[in-house]
N, C-alpha and C. Protein backbone atom coordinates (compact mmCIF):
# COMPACT_ATOMS: atom_id res chain seq x y z
N MET A 1 103.33 102.68 81.37
CA MET A 1 104.02 101.75 82.21
C MET A 1 103.27 100.41 82.15
N ASN A 2 104.00 99.32 82.00
CA ASN A 2 103.29 98.06 81.88
C ASN A 2 102.68 97.63 83.21
N LYS A 3 101.64 96.81 83.13
CA LYS A 3 100.85 96.49 84.32
C LYS A 3 101.65 95.72 85.36
N TYR A 4 102.64 94.95 84.95
CA TYR A 4 103.43 94.20 85.92
C TYR A 4 104.36 95.12 86.70
N LEU A 5 104.90 96.12 86.03
CA LEU A 5 105.74 97.09 86.72
C LEU A 5 104.93 97.89 87.72
N LYS A 6 103.70 98.30 87.34
CA LYS A 6 102.83 99.01 88.28
C LYS A 6 102.56 98.17 89.50
N TYR A 7 102.26 96.90 89.26
CA TYR A 7 101.98 95.99 90.37
C TYR A 7 103.19 95.89 91.29
N LEU A 8 104.37 95.71 90.71
CA LEU A 8 105.59 95.61 91.50
C LEU A 8 105.83 96.87 92.32
N LEU A 9 105.67 98.03 91.69
CA LEU A 9 105.84 99.28 92.42
C LEU A 9 104.84 99.40 93.57
N LEU A 10 103.61 99.01 93.33
CA LEU A 10 102.60 99.11 94.37
C LEU A 10 102.88 98.15 95.51
N ILE A 11 103.35 96.96 95.20
CA ILE A 11 103.67 96.02 96.26
C ILE A 11 104.87 96.53 97.06
N MET A 12 105.87 97.06 96.36
CA MET A 12 107.05 97.56 97.05
C MET A 12 106.74 98.79 97.88
N PHE A 13 105.93 99.67 97.35
CA PHE A 13 105.64 100.92 98.03
C PHE A 13 104.14 101.06 98.26
N SER A 14 103.65 100.02 98.72
CA SER A 14 102.22 99.97 98.82
C SER A 14 101.62 101.27 99.33
N MET A 15 95.70 103.68 102.67
CA MET A 15 95.05 104.97 102.38
C MET A 15 94.26 105.25 103.62
N ALA A 16 94.10 106.34 104.44
CA ALA A 16 93.22 106.87 105.46
C ALA A 16 93.29 108.36 105.36
N ASN A 17 92.33 108.97 104.77
CA ASN A 17 92.37 110.40 104.62
C ASN A 17 91.75 111.13 105.80
N ALA A 18 91.45 110.41 106.88
CA ALA A 18 90.93 111.05 108.09
C ALA A 18 92.04 111.36 109.08
N ASN A 19 93.22 110.82 108.88
CA ASN A 19 94.33 110.99 109.80
C ASN A 19 95.28 112.08 109.31
N PRO A 20 96.05 112.71 110.22
CA PRO A 20 96.99 113.75 109.79
C PRO A 20 98.14 113.17 108.97
N ASN A 21 98.89 114.05 108.33
CA ASN A 21 100.03 113.67 107.50
C ASN A 21 99.61 112.69 106.41
N TYR A 22 98.56 113.04 105.72
CA TYR A 22 98.02 112.21 104.64
C TYR A 22 98.41 112.81 103.30
N SER A 23 98.70 111.95 102.34
CA SER A 23 98.93 112.40 100.97
C SER A 23 98.62 111.26 100.01
N LYS A 24 98.56 111.60 98.74
CA LYS A 24 98.50 110.57 97.72
C LYS A 24 99.89 109.94 97.67
N CYS A 25 100.09 109.00 96.80
CA CYS A 25 101.35 108.26 96.74
C CYS A 25 102.36 108.86 95.76
N ASN A 26 102.25 110.16 95.49
CA ASN A 26 103.19 110.84 94.59
C ASN A 26 104.63 110.68 95.07
N TYR A 27 104.82 110.56 96.38
CA TYR A 27 106.15 110.37 96.96
C TYR A 27 106.86 109.19 96.31
N TYR A 28 106.10 108.18 95.92
CA TYR A 28 106.64 106.98 95.29
C TYR A 28 106.51 107.01 93.77
N SER A 29 106.19 108.17 93.21
CA SER A 29 105.96 108.32 91.77
C SER A 29 104.78 107.48 91.30
N ILE A 30 103.78 107.33 92.16
CA ILE A 30 102.53 106.66 91.82
C ILE A 30 101.46 107.74 91.85
N TYR A 31 100.93 108.10 90.70
CA TYR A 31 99.98 109.20 90.58
C TYR A 31 98.59 108.63 90.35
N THR A 32 97.73 108.77 91.34
CA THR A 32 96.40 108.17 91.27
C THR A 32 95.35 109.14 91.78
N ASN A 33 94.11 108.85 91.46
CA ASN A 33 92.99 109.55 92.09
C ASN A 33 92.78 108.95 93.46
N ASN A 34 92.17 109.71 94.34
CA ASN A 34 91.91 109.22 95.68
C ASN A 34 90.46 108.75 95.75
N LEU A 35 90.26 107.45 95.80
CA LEU A 35 88.93 106.87 95.93
C LEU A 35 88.86 106.20 97.30
N GLY A 36 87.78 106.39 97.99
CA GLY A 36 87.56 105.66 99.22
C GLY A 36 88.08 106.34 100.47
N VAL A 37 87.84 105.67 101.59
CA VAL A 37 88.23 106.17 102.91
C VAL A 37 88.95 105.06 103.66
N VAL A 38 90.03 105.43 104.31
CA VAL A 38 90.77 104.48 105.13
C VAL A 38 90.79 104.99 106.56
N ASN A 39 90.61 104.09 107.48
CA ASN A 39 90.79 104.38 108.90
C ASN A 39 91.69 103.31 109.48
N TRP A 40 92.46 103.69 110.48
CA TRP A 40 93.33 102.71 111.11
C TRP A 40 93.54 103.07 112.57
N ALA A 41 93.80 102.05 113.35
CA ALA A 41 94.02 102.22 114.79
C ALA A 41 94.96 101.12 115.25
N PRO A 42 95.77 101.39 116.27
CA PRO A 42 95.79 102.63 117.02
C PRO A 42 96.54 103.73 116.28
N ASP A 43 96.15 104.96 116.52
CA ASP A 43 96.82 106.13 115.96
C ASP A 43 96.99 107.16 117.07
N PRO A 44 98.20 107.49 117.46
CA PRO A 44 99.44 107.05 116.82
C PRO A 44 99.74 105.59 117.14
N PRO A 45 100.42 104.93 116.23
CA PRO A 45 100.78 103.53 116.48
C PRO A 45 101.92 103.45 117.50
N TYR A 46 101.94 102.38 118.25
CA TYR A 46 103.06 102.15 119.17
C TYR A 46 103.90 101.01 118.62
N ALA A 47 105.13 100.92 119.07
CA ALA A 47 106.07 99.93 118.53
C ALA A 47 105.51 98.53 118.65
N GLY A 48 105.54 97.82 117.53
CA GLY A 48 105.09 96.44 117.50
C GLY A 48 103.57 96.27 117.43
N ALA A 49 102.82 97.37 117.37
CA ALA A 49 101.36 97.28 117.37
C ALA A 49 100.84 96.61 116.11
N MET A 50 99.75 95.88 116.26
CA MET A 50 99.03 95.34 115.11
C MET A 50 97.99 96.37 114.72
N LEU A 51 98.16 97.01 113.56
CA LEU A 51 97.22 98.02 113.11
C LEU A 51 96.02 97.36 112.46
N ASN A 52 94.84 97.81 112.83
CA ASN A 52 93.62 97.37 112.17
C ASN A 52 93.27 98.46 111.15
N VAL A 53 93.32 98.09 109.89
CA VAL A 53 93.09 99.03 108.78
C VAL A 53 91.77 98.68 108.12
N THR A 54 90.90 99.68 107.97
CA THR A 54 89.66 99.47 107.23
C THR A 54 89.65 100.38 106.01
N TYR A 55 89.16 99.84 104.91
CA TYR A 55 89.08 100.59 103.66
C TYR A 55 87.67 100.43 103.11
N SER A 56 87.07 101.54 102.70
CA SER A 56 85.75 101.46 102.07
C SER A 56 85.64 102.50 100.96
N VAL A 57 84.89 102.13 99.94
CA VAL A 57 84.62 103.01 98.82
C VAL A 57 83.24 102.66 98.29
N LYS A 58 82.50 103.67 97.87
CA LYS A 58 81.17 103.46 97.29
C LYS A 58 81.16 104.00 95.86
N ASP A 59 80.37 103.38 95.03
CA ASP A 59 80.16 103.82 93.65
C ASP A 59 81.44 103.89 92.83
N LEU A 60 82.18 102.79 92.79
CA LEU A 60 83.33 102.72 91.90
C LEU A 60 82.87 102.96 90.47
N PRO A 61 83.74 103.48 89.61
CA PRO A 61 83.34 103.75 88.23
C PRO A 61 82.91 102.51 87.44
N MET A 62 83.45 101.34 87.81
CA MET A 62 83.04 100.09 87.16
C MET A 62 83.01 98.98 88.21
N ASN A 63 82.29 97.92 87.91
CA ASN A 63 82.23 96.79 88.82
C ASN A 63 83.61 96.17 88.98
N THR A 64 83.88 95.62 90.14
CA THR A 64 85.15 94.97 90.38
C THR A 64 85.24 93.67 89.58
N THR A 65 86.46 93.27 89.27
CA THR A 65 86.71 92.02 88.58
C THR A 65 87.15 90.98 89.61
N HIS A 66 87.54 89.83 89.14
CA HIS A 66 88.05 88.78 90.02
C HIS A 66 89.50 89.04 90.41
N LEU A 67 90.06 90.14 89.97
CA LEU A 67 91.47 90.47 90.24
C LEU A 67 91.63 91.77 91.00
N VAL A 68 90.78 92.03 91.99
CA VAL A 68 90.84 93.27 92.77
C VAL A 68 91.29 92.97 94.20
N TYR A 69 92.25 93.75 94.68
CA TYR A 69 92.78 93.58 96.03
C TYR A 69 92.90 94.93 96.72
N VAL A 70 92.80 94.92 98.05
CA VAL A 70 93.18 96.05 98.87
C VAL A 70 94.45 95.62 99.61
N VAL A 71 95.47 96.46 99.56
CA VAL A 71 96.76 96.14 100.16
C VAL A 71 97.14 97.25 101.14
N ALA A 72 97.66 96.87 102.30
CA ALA A 72 98.19 97.82 103.27
C ALA A 72 99.63 97.41 103.57
N ALA A 73 100.52 98.38 103.65
CA ALA A 73 101.92 98.08 103.94
C ALA A 73 102.52 99.18 104.80
N VAL A 74 103.49 98.81 105.62
CA VAL A 74 104.28 99.77 106.39
C VAL A 74 105.62 99.88 105.68
N VAL A 75 105.96 101.11 105.27
CA VAL A 75 107.15 101.34 104.46
C VAL A 75 108.02 102.39 105.12
N ARG A 76 109.33 102.12 105.19
CA ARG A 76 110.26 103.12 105.72
C ARG A 76 110.33 104.27 104.73
N ASP A 77 110.34 105.51 105.23
CA ASP A 77 110.24 106.69 104.38
C ASP A 77 111.49 107.01 103.57
N ASP A 78 112.54 106.22 103.69
CA ASP A 78 113.75 106.52 102.93
C ASP A 78 113.72 105.97 101.51
N LYS A 79 112.67 105.26 101.11
CA LYS A 79 112.48 104.70 99.77
C LYS A 79 113.52 103.64 99.40
N SER A 80 114.42 103.27 100.30
CA SER A 80 115.48 102.35 99.91
C SER A 80 115.26 100.93 100.41
N THR A 81 114.16 100.68 101.07
CA THR A 81 113.92 99.34 101.59
C THR A 81 112.53 98.85 101.18
N ASP A 82 112.38 97.55 101.19
CA ASP A 82 111.07 96.95 100.94
C ASP A 82 110.18 97.22 102.14
N PRO A 83 108.87 97.03 101.99
CA PRO A 83 107.98 97.21 103.14
C PRO A 83 108.41 96.33 104.31
N SER A 84 108.30 96.86 105.52
CA SER A 84 108.64 96.06 106.69
C SER A 84 107.52 95.10 107.02
N ALA A 85 106.30 95.40 106.60
CA ALA A 85 105.16 94.52 106.81
C ALA A 85 104.09 94.85 105.79
N GLY A 86 103.27 93.89 105.46
CA GLY A 86 102.20 94.13 104.51
C GLY A 86 101.12 93.07 104.61
N SER A 87 99.96 93.40 104.09
CA SER A 87 98.83 92.49 104.09
C SER A 87 97.93 92.84 102.92
N LYS A 88 97.27 91.84 102.35
CA LYS A 88 96.33 92.13 101.26
C LYS A 88 95.09 91.27 101.45
N VAL A 89 93.99 91.77 100.91
CA VAL A 89 92.73 91.04 100.97
C VAL A 89 92.06 91.15 99.60
N LYS A 90 91.52 90.04 99.14
CA LYS A 90 90.83 90.02 97.85
C LYS A 90 89.43 90.58 98.02
N VAL A 91 89.02 91.39 97.05
CA VAL A 91 87.72 92.04 97.07
C VAL A 91 86.72 91.18 96.29
N ASP A 92 85.47 91.17 96.74
CA ASP A 92 84.42 90.44 96.01
C ASP A 92 84.33 90.95 94.58
N ARG A 93 83.98 90.08 93.68
CA ARG A 93 83.88 90.47 92.28
C ARG A 93 82.48 90.98 91.97
N ASN A 94 82.41 91.82 90.96
CA ASN A 94 81.16 92.35 90.41
C ASN A 94 80.39 93.24 91.40
N VAL A 95 81.13 94.06 92.16
CA VAL A 95 80.50 95.02 93.08
C VAL A 95 81.06 96.41 92.81
N LYS A 96 80.31 97.43 93.21
CA LYS A 96 80.77 98.82 93.09
C LYS A 96 81.05 99.43 94.45
N ASP A 97 80.64 98.76 95.52
CA ASP A 97 80.91 99.22 96.89
C ASP A 97 81.82 98.20 97.55
N VAL A 98 82.91 98.68 98.11
CA VAL A 98 83.90 97.80 98.73
C VAL A 98 84.08 98.21 100.19
N SER A 99 84.15 97.24 101.07
CA SER A 99 84.45 97.49 102.47
C SER A 99 85.23 96.29 103.00
N VAL A 100 86.49 96.52 103.37
CA VAL A 100 87.33 95.43 103.87
C VAL A 100 88.10 95.87 105.09
N SER A 101 88.59 94.90 105.82
CA SER A 101 89.42 95.14 107.00
C SER A 101 90.63 94.22 106.92
N LEU A 102 91.80 94.75 107.27
CA LEU A 102 93.00 93.93 107.28
C LEU A 102 93.93 94.42 108.37
N ASN A 103 94.90 93.60 108.74
CA ASN A 103 95.84 93.93 109.80
C ASN A 103 97.25 93.98 109.25
N VAL A 104 98.05 94.90 109.80
CA VAL A 104 99.45 95.00 109.42
C VAL A 104 100.25 95.39 110.66
N GLN A 105 101.44 94.83 110.81
CA GLN A 105 102.29 95.02 111.99
C GLN A 105 103.13 96.29 111.88
N TRP A 106 103.10 97.13 112.92
CA TRP A 106 103.93 98.33 112.98
C TRP A 106 105.33 97.92 113.43
N PRO A 107 106.40 98.61 112.99
CA PRO A 107 107.77 98.23 113.36
C PRO A 107 108.02 98.28 114.87
N SER A 108 109.03 97.56 115.28
CA SER A 108 109.39 97.49 116.70
C SER A 108 110.23 98.71 117.10
N PRO A 109 110.42 98.93 118.41
CA PRO A 109 111.21 100.08 118.85
C PRO A 109 112.68 99.98 118.48
N ALA A 110 113.14 98.80 118.09
CA ALA A 110 114.54 98.66 117.69
C ALA A 110 114.86 99.53 116.48
N ASP A 111 113.84 99.95 115.74
CA ASP A 111 114.06 100.77 114.55
C ASP A 111 113.44 102.15 114.72
N LYS A 112 113.49 102.71 115.92
CA LYS A 112 112.81 103.97 116.19
C LYS A 112 113.51 105.19 115.60
N ASN A 113 114.64 105.02 114.96
CA ASN A 113 115.35 106.14 114.34
C ASN A 113 114.86 106.47 112.95
N HIS A 114 113.95 105.67 112.42
CA HIS A 114 113.45 105.90 111.07
C HIS A 114 111.98 106.27 111.09
N ARG A 115 111.58 107.10 110.13
CA ARG A 115 110.17 107.43 109.94
C ARG A 115 109.55 106.40 109.02
N TYR A 116 108.26 106.15 109.24
CA TYR A 116 107.53 105.16 108.45
C TYR A 116 106.25 105.74 107.91
N SER A 117 105.74 105.10 106.87
CA SER A 117 104.43 105.44 106.32
C SER A 117 103.57 104.20 106.30
N LEU A 118 102.29 104.41 106.51
CA LEU A 118 101.29 103.38 106.23
C LEU A 118 100.75 103.71 104.86
N VAL A 119 100.83 102.77 103.94
CA VAL A 119 100.37 102.98 102.57
C VAL A 119 99.29 101.94 102.28
N VAL A 120 98.15 102.43 101.76
CA VAL A 120 97.02 101.55 101.46
C VAL A 120 96.57 101.83 100.03
N PHE A 121 96.32 100.75 99.29
CA PHE A 121 95.85 100.97 97.92
C PHE A 121 94.85 99.91 97.50
N LEU A 122 94.05 100.28 96.54
CA LEU A 122 93.08 99.40 95.87
C LEU A 122 93.60 99.19 94.46
N LEU A 123 93.67 97.94 94.04
CA LEU A 123 94.25 97.64 92.74
C LEU A 123 93.39 96.63 92.00
N ASP A 124 93.10 96.93 90.74
CA ASP A 124 92.42 95.98 89.85
C ASP A 124 93.43 95.59 88.78
N TYR A 125 93.95 94.38 88.87
CA TYR A 125 94.97 93.92 87.94
C TYR A 125 94.46 93.82 86.51
N LYS A 126 93.20 93.53 86.33
CA LYS A 126 92.67 93.34 84.98
C LYS A 126 92.65 94.64 84.19
N TYR A 127 92.15 95.71 84.81
CA TYR A 127 92.03 96.98 84.11
C TYR A 127 93.14 97.98 84.45
N GLU A 128 94.08 97.55 85.27
CA GLU A 128 95.19 98.40 85.68
C GLU A 128 94.71 99.70 86.32
N GLU A 129 93.63 99.62 87.06
CA GLU A 129 93.09 100.77 87.78
C GLU A 129 93.47 100.64 89.24
N TYR A 130 93.85 101.73 89.86
CA TYR A 130 94.18 101.68 91.26
C TYR A 130 94.08 103.05 91.90
N THR A 131 94.08 103.02 93.22
CA THR A 131 94.11 104.23 94.01
C THR A 131 95.05 104.00 95.17
N CYS A 132 95.70 105.03 95.64
CA CYS A 132 96.71 104.85 96.68
C CYS A 132 96.76 106.09 97.57
N ALA A 133 96.98 105.87 98.87
CA ALA A 133 97.15 106.97 99.81
C ALA A 133 98.23 106.60 100.82
N ARG A 134 98.83 107.62 101.40
CA ARG A 134 99.98 107.43 102.28
C ARG A 134 99.82 108.28 103.52
N PHE A 135 100.10 107.68 104.70
CA PHE A 135 100.19 108.41 105.97
C PHE A 135 101.64 108.37 106.38
N TYR A 136 102.25 109.53 106.48
CA TYR A 136 103.70 109.59 106.60
C TYR A 136 104.16 110.23 107.90
N ASP A 137 105.49 110.20 108.10
CA ASP A 137 106.16 110.80 109.26
C ASP A 137 105.69 110.20 110.58
N ARG A 138 105.65 108.89 110.63
CA ARG A 138 105.30 108.20 111.87
C ARG A 138 106.56 107.50 112.38
N TYR A 139 106.77 107.54 113.68
CA TYR A 139 107.91 106.86 114.31
C TYR A 139 107.40 105.74 115.20
N PRO A 140 108.11 104.60 115.24
CA PRO A 140 107.78 103.60 116.25
C PRO A 140 108.06 104.18 117.63
N HIS A 141 107.13 104.09 118.56
CA HIS A 141 107.33 104.64 119.91
C HIS A 141 107.35 103.52 120.92
C-alpha cells in the first residue's frame, strides 16, 4: 500500500492498552504492532468532555525522523464517517523514547445513539512505520 494511502487511512480512522475494550486497529484494516502505552481521562468519557491523552514508548527500533507524529481521534464505530474530532502532535526528531500529551473532544449527548472509539497512533511518514490502538464501544453520556 502506498504511503499516502496509509496516511489517509490513519487520519480517517486514526492507543491506551490500560483501559477496557482495547484492540489493535484491525477493525479499520490497519495491521500494526502495538508499541507504547496510552492513557486517557476521563474514563468513562462524558458528553462533550475534553479527553487528555498521553502516549509514551521507550526503545523504538530506530530513531525518530523529522516526520513523526502522534495522532488521537474520536471515530464513530460505524466506519462510515470521518473522525468527529482529532488532534496531532509532532514528535522530537532523533529520539528512541517518546512521551507526548494531546487533547481531543468527546462527542456531545446529541449523538448518544452511536458508539465511538478513541484511536491513537504513532506514525513516521519517512519510513512508513506506525502503530495503532483502538478503545471501542464507548457512548457519549
